[in-house]
Amino acid sequence: SSSSSSSSSSASVEPIHPRRSRCYGVPGFTPVDNSPTRSPLNMADYLVDTTRGKTLTEIGSRNGDIIACVSHFKVKEELPAPVSVEMDKEYCDKMAARGVDVRCSSILDLDEDTLPVSDYYFWWPMAAATQNVEWLRHVGGILQRKGLARGKTAIIAIDMSWHEDVTNSYELRDHFGGVWTGKVWFDEGNDDRMFGAFRLIHVPLDFHFPTVEERAVIQVEEDERNRVKREGEERERREGRK
């Protein structure tokens, strides 16, 4: 019958897999980590394409899989190699052995004299709810004080399976000038968070990032608007039942 034919046809369709990262074609490249220990290796492909012709700093690189791959393509573009900002000395040493340019420091300890100046800054933080805003204020603040922020962008990775990442991405969009710009599909294994999708949000670093005090005032105003909205909806429901 047509229904059994359709069912048989559907069952035989091969699953669609994300493309294999071009990093595997880089001579001598072997990844050290897997997702979710680091962001997906396909993130390197996104960064190569998105930052073509521009300079890049990665904040938090672990063993350096992403930045080691991207560095290969930046050198081919005859651009300065990307810079890693990594606070763990063991990882710094491992990346240096891979030929990565490393600033072994917490990003918050870098200042006007030591922060690498790049067109793009990429990160996927451990604690999105606090670190994303903190790092934006710090990096953006330094670049703004130096008069270098115009045209500079933070690329922040959002794990779509991780509630904290997703929730914070709305705050970045609504209050910190963020724009959702791309998606990265990946499949690095069968365990939790080893396959799926990341979303990328781009934040202009010349944006006026609200201070803690300003953000608190905004939150109070939002809460009040939501309260009024809920009360109005409840009145409408009650009146509709009369």
Protein backbone atom coordinates (compact mmCIF):
# COMPACT_ATOMS: atom_id res chain seq x y z
CA SER A 1 0.00 0.00 0.00
CA SER A 2 1.02 3.63 -0.33
CA SER A 3 1.16 4.04 3.47
CA SER A 4 3.48 1.03 3.91
CA SER A 5 5.61 2.25 1.00
CA SER A 6 5.85 5.68 2.60
CA SER A 7 6.73 4.15 5.96
CA SER A 8 9.43 1.96 4.43
CA SER A 9 10.86 4.92 2.53
CA SER A 10 10.99 7.05 5.68
CA ALA A 11 12.71 4.33 7.67
CA SER A 12 15.45 3.99 5.05
CA VAL A 13 16.38 7.67 5.01
CA GLU A 14 19.89 8.19 6.34
CA PRO A 15 20.26 10.64 9.24
CA ILE A 16 21.66 14.04 8.39
CA HIS A 17 25.01 14.63 10.07
CA PRO A 18 26.75 17.98 10.62
CA ARG A 19 29.70 18.56 8.34
CA ARG A 20 33.10 17.35 9.49
CA SER A 21 35.26 20.22 10.69
CA ARG A 22 37.92 21.42 8.29
CA CYS A 23 40.30 21.34 11.28
CA TYR A 24 40.82 17.63 10.60
CA GLY A 25 42.46 18.62 7.33
CA VAL A 26 45.04 20.85 9.04
CA PRO A 27 48.47 19.16 8.88
CA GLY A 28 49.46 17.79 12.27
CA PHE A 29 46.21 18.80 13.96
CA THR A 30 44.74 16.40 16.51
CA PRO A 31 42.01 17.53 18.93
CA VAL A 32 42.75 17.01 22.60
CA ASP A 33 39.27 17.58 24.05
CA ASN A 34 35.67 16.78 23.09
CA SER A 35 32.40 18.61 23.66
CA PRO A 36 31.27 19.71 26.16
CA THR A 37 34.75 20.05 27.70
CA ARG A 38 35.32 22.70 25.05
CA SER A 39 33.02 24.29 22.50
CA PRO A 40 32.40 22.11 19.41
CA LEU A 41 35.27 21.80 16.96
CA ASN A 42 32.91 23.06 14.26
CA MET A 43 33.06 26.36 16.14
CA ALA A 44 36.50 26.82 14.63
CA ASP A 45 34.93 26.63 11.16
CA TYR A 46 32.42 29.32 12.13
CA LEU A 47 35.19 31.56 13.47
CA VAL A 48 37.36 31.08 10.39
CA ASP A 49 34.48 32.15 8.14
CA THR A 50 33.09 34.93 10.34
CA THR A 51 36.40 36.59 11.19
CA ARG A 52 38.00 36.25 7.75
CA GLY A 53 40.34 39.16 7.19
CA LYS A 54 40.12 40.19 10.86
CA THR A 55 42.07 39.53 14.05
CA LEU A 56 40.81 37.33 16.88
CA THR A 57 41.32 36.75 20.60
CA GLU A 58 39.85 33.70 22.33
CA ILE A 59 39.14 34.00 26.04
CA GLY A 60 39.37 30.65 27.81
CA SER A 61 40.98 28.11 25.47
CA ARG A 62 41.69 25.07 27.65
CA ASN A 63 44.04 22.86 25.58
CA GLY A 64 43.67 25.12 22.56
CA ASP A 65 41.84 22.95 20.02
CA ILE A 66 39.76 25.84 18.63
CA ILE A 67 42.48 28.46 18.49
CA ALA A 68 45.16 26.08 17.19
CA CYS A 69 42.92 25.25 14.24
CA VAL A 70 41.92 28.86 13.56
CA SER A 71 45.57 29.95 13.76
CA HIS A 72 46.41 27.78 10.76
CA PHE A 73 43.91 29.67 8.59
CA LYS A 74 44.85 33.11 9.93
CA VAL A 75 48.48 32.51 8.98
CA LYS A 76 47.32 31.58 5.47
CA GLU A 77 45.50 34.94 5.38
CA GLU A 78 48.80 36.61 6.35
CA LEU A 79 47.16 37.99 9.49
CA PRO A 80 48.57 38.05 13.02
CA ALA A 81 47.92 34.73 14.72
CA PRO A 82 44.97 34.67 17.12
CA VAL A 83 45.74 35.23 20.78
CA SER A 84 44.51 33.07 23.64
CA VAL A 85 43.78 34.50 27.09
CA GLU A 86 43.91 31.52 29.46
CA MET A 87 44.27 31.61 33.24
CA ASP A 88 45.35 27.99 33.81
CA LYS A 89 49.16 27.64 33.69
CA GLU A 90 49.02 23.98 32.66
CA TYR A 91 46.86 24.83 29.65
CA CYS A 92 49.05 27.83 28.83
CA ASP A 93 52.10 25.57 28.62
CA LYS A 94 50.26 23.03 26.47
CA MET A 95 49.09 25.70 24.05
CA ALA A 96 52.55 27.25 23.86
CA ALA A 97 53.82 23.81 22.86
CA ARG A 98 51.23 23.84 20.05
CA GLY A 99 52.57 27.18 18.84
CA VAL A 100 49.63 29.25 20.17
CA ASP A 101 50.24 32.85 21.28
CA VAL A 102 49.04 32.80 24.91
CA ARG A 103 48.49 35.48 27.54
CA CYS A 104 48.49 33.41 30.72
CA SER A 105 46.11 35.46 32.84
CA SER A 106 42.53 35.88 33.91
CA ILE A 107 40.81 38.22 31.46
CA LEU A 108 39.83 40.43 34.41
CA ASP A 109 43.50 40.91 35.33
CA LEU A 110 44.38 42.36 31.93
CA ASP A 111 44.33 46.14 31.63
CA GLU A 112 44.80 48.91 29.08
CA ASP A 113 48.42 47.89 28.59
CA THR A 114 48.04 44.11 28.47
CA LEU A 115 44.66 43.31 26.86
CA PRO A 116 45.19 42.09 23.28
CA VAL A 117 43.47 44.43 20.83
CA SER A 118 41.55 42.42 18.22
CA ASP A 119 38.66 42.89 15.86
CA TYR A 120 36.83 39.96 17.45
CA TYR A 121 36.83 38.38 20.91
CA PHE A 122 35.37 34.89 21.24
CA TRP A 123 34.38 33.02 24.38
CA TRP A 124 32.16 30.31 25.81
CA PRO A 125 32.21 30.85 29.58
CA MET A 126 31.77 28.36 32.41
CA ALA A 127 29.17 30.57 34.11
CA ALA A 128 27.18 32.52 31.53
CA ALA A 129 24.93 34.25 34.07
CA THR A 130 27.84 36.18 35.59
CA GLN A 131 30.85 35.94 33.30
CA ASN A 132 29.32 37.14 30.02
CA VAL A 133 28.28 40.53 31.38
CA GLU A 134 31.40 40.86 33.52
CA TRP A 135 33.70 40.18 30.57
CA LEU A 136 31.75 42.47 28.24
CA ARG A 137 32.04 45.33 30.71
CA HIS A 138 35.74 44.68 31.22
CA VAL A 139 36.85 44.18 27.61
CA GLY A 140 34.44 46.78 26.23
CA GLY A 141 35.38 49.24 28.96
CA ILE A 142 39.09 49.00 28.19
CA LEU A 143 38.59 49.39 24.45
CA GLN A 144 36.20 52.31 24.95
CA ARG A 145 38.61 54.12 27.26
CA LYS A 146 41.36 53.68 24.66
CA GLY A 147 39.07 54.90 21.87
CA LEU A 148 39.40 51.55 20.07
CA ALA A 149 35.99 49.95 20.60
CA ARG A 150 34.31 51.04 17.38
CA GLY A 151 33.98 48.08 15.02
CA LYS A 152 35.12 45.56 17.64
CA THR A 153 32.81 42.64 18.44
CA ALA A 154 32.43 39.94 21.07
CA ILE A 155 31.26 36.56 19.75
CA ILE A 156 29.66 34.60 22.58
CA ALA A 157 28.79 30.91 22.23
CA ILE A 158 25.43 29.71 23.55
CA ASP A 159 24.92 25.99 24.20
CA MET A 160 21.25 25.52 23.27
CA SER A 161 20.99 22.51 25.61
CA TRP A 162 22.25 24.49 28.64
CA HIS A 163 19.56 26.52 30.40
CA GLU A 164 21.94 29.10 31.90
CA ASP A 165 23.44 29.88 28.49
CA VAL A 166 20.05 30.23 26.82
CA THR A 167 18.54 32.39 29.58
CA ASN A 168 21.53 34.72 29.63
CA SER A 169 21.45 35.09 25.84
CA TYR A 170 18.12 36.92 26.14
CA GLU A 171 19.65 39.37 28.61
CA LEU A 172 22.53 39.98 26.21
CA ARG A 173 20.07 40.56 23.37
CA ASP A 174 17.67 42.79 25.30
CA HIS A 175 20.06 44.89 27.39
CA PHE A 176 23.61 44.58 26.03
CA GLY A 177 23.20 45.15 22.30
CA GLY A 178 23.54 41.48 21.35
CA VAL A 179 22.38 40.10 18.01
CA TRP A 180 21.88 36.40 17.34
CA THR A 181 24.00 35.85 14.25
CA GLY A 182 24.64 32.17 13.52
CA LYS A 183 24.29 28.52 14.53
CA VAL A 184 26.85 25.72 14.77
CA TRP A 185 25.63 22.12 14.47
CA PHE A 186 27.90 19.39 15.76
CA ASP A 187 28.16 15.68 16.56
CA GLU A 188 31.15 14.57 18.60
CA GLY A 189 29.63 11.55 20.35
CA ASN A 190 26.51 10.02 21.84
CA ASP A 191 26.67 11.24 25.43
CA ASP A 192 24.81 14.26 26.80
CA ARG A 193 25.88 17.58 25.24
CA MET A 194 28.23 15.89 22.76
CA PHE A 195 25.86 16.62 19.87
CA GLY A 196 23.35 19.32 19.05
CA ALA A 197 23.61 23.01 18.29
CA PHE A 198 25.23 26.17 19.57
CA ARG A 199 23.93 29.62 18.82
CA LEU A 200 26.22 32.62 18.46
CA ILE A 201 25.40 36.08 19.72
CA HIS A 202 27.48 39.04 18.54
CA VAL A 203 27.82 42.03 20.87
CA PRO A 204 29.31 45.35 19.70
CA LEU A 205 32.02 46.39 22.13
CA ASP A 206 31.31 50.11 21.69
CA PHE A 207 27.88 49.57 23.28
CA HIS A 208 27.07 51.37 26.52
CA PHE A 209 26.96 48.37 28.82
CA PRO A 210 24.68 49.19 31.77
CA THR A 211 26.37 49.20 35.15
CA VAL A 212 25.14 46.95 37.94
CA GLU A 213 23.14 49.87 39.34
CA GLU A 214 21.63 50.78 35.96
CA ARG A 215 20.76 47.15 35.29
CA ALA A 216 19.00 46.94 38.69
CA VAL A 217 16.84 49.95 37.82
CA ILE A 218 16.00 48.41 34.43
CA GLN A 219 15.02 45.16 36.14
CA VAL A 220 12.68 46.97 38.56
CA GLU A 221 11.01 48.73 35.62
CA GLU A 222 10.66 45.42 33.74
CA ASP A 223 9.16 43.71 36.77
CA GLU A 224 6.64 46.52 37.14
CA ARG A 225 5.63 46.33 33.46
CA ASN A 226 5.21 42.57 33.75
CA ARG A 227 3.11 42.98 36.91
CA VAL A 228 0.80 45.45 35.22
CA LYS A 229 0.53 43.18 32.19
CA ARG A 230 -0.35 40.14 34.31
CA GLU A 231 -2.97 42.10 36.26
CA GLY A 232 -4.53 43.32 33.01
CA GLU A 233 -4.67 39.80 31.60
CA GLU A 234 -6.25 38.52 34.81
CA ARG A 235 -8.91 41.28 34.69
CA GLU A 236 -9.75 40.35 31.11
CA ARG A 237 -10.12 36.68 32.09
CA ARG A 238 -12.40 37.55 35.01
CA GLU A 239 -14.54 39.88 32.89
CA GLY A 240 -14.76 37.25 30.17
CA ARG A 241 -16.24 34.77 32.66
CA LYS A 242 -19.02 37.14 33.74
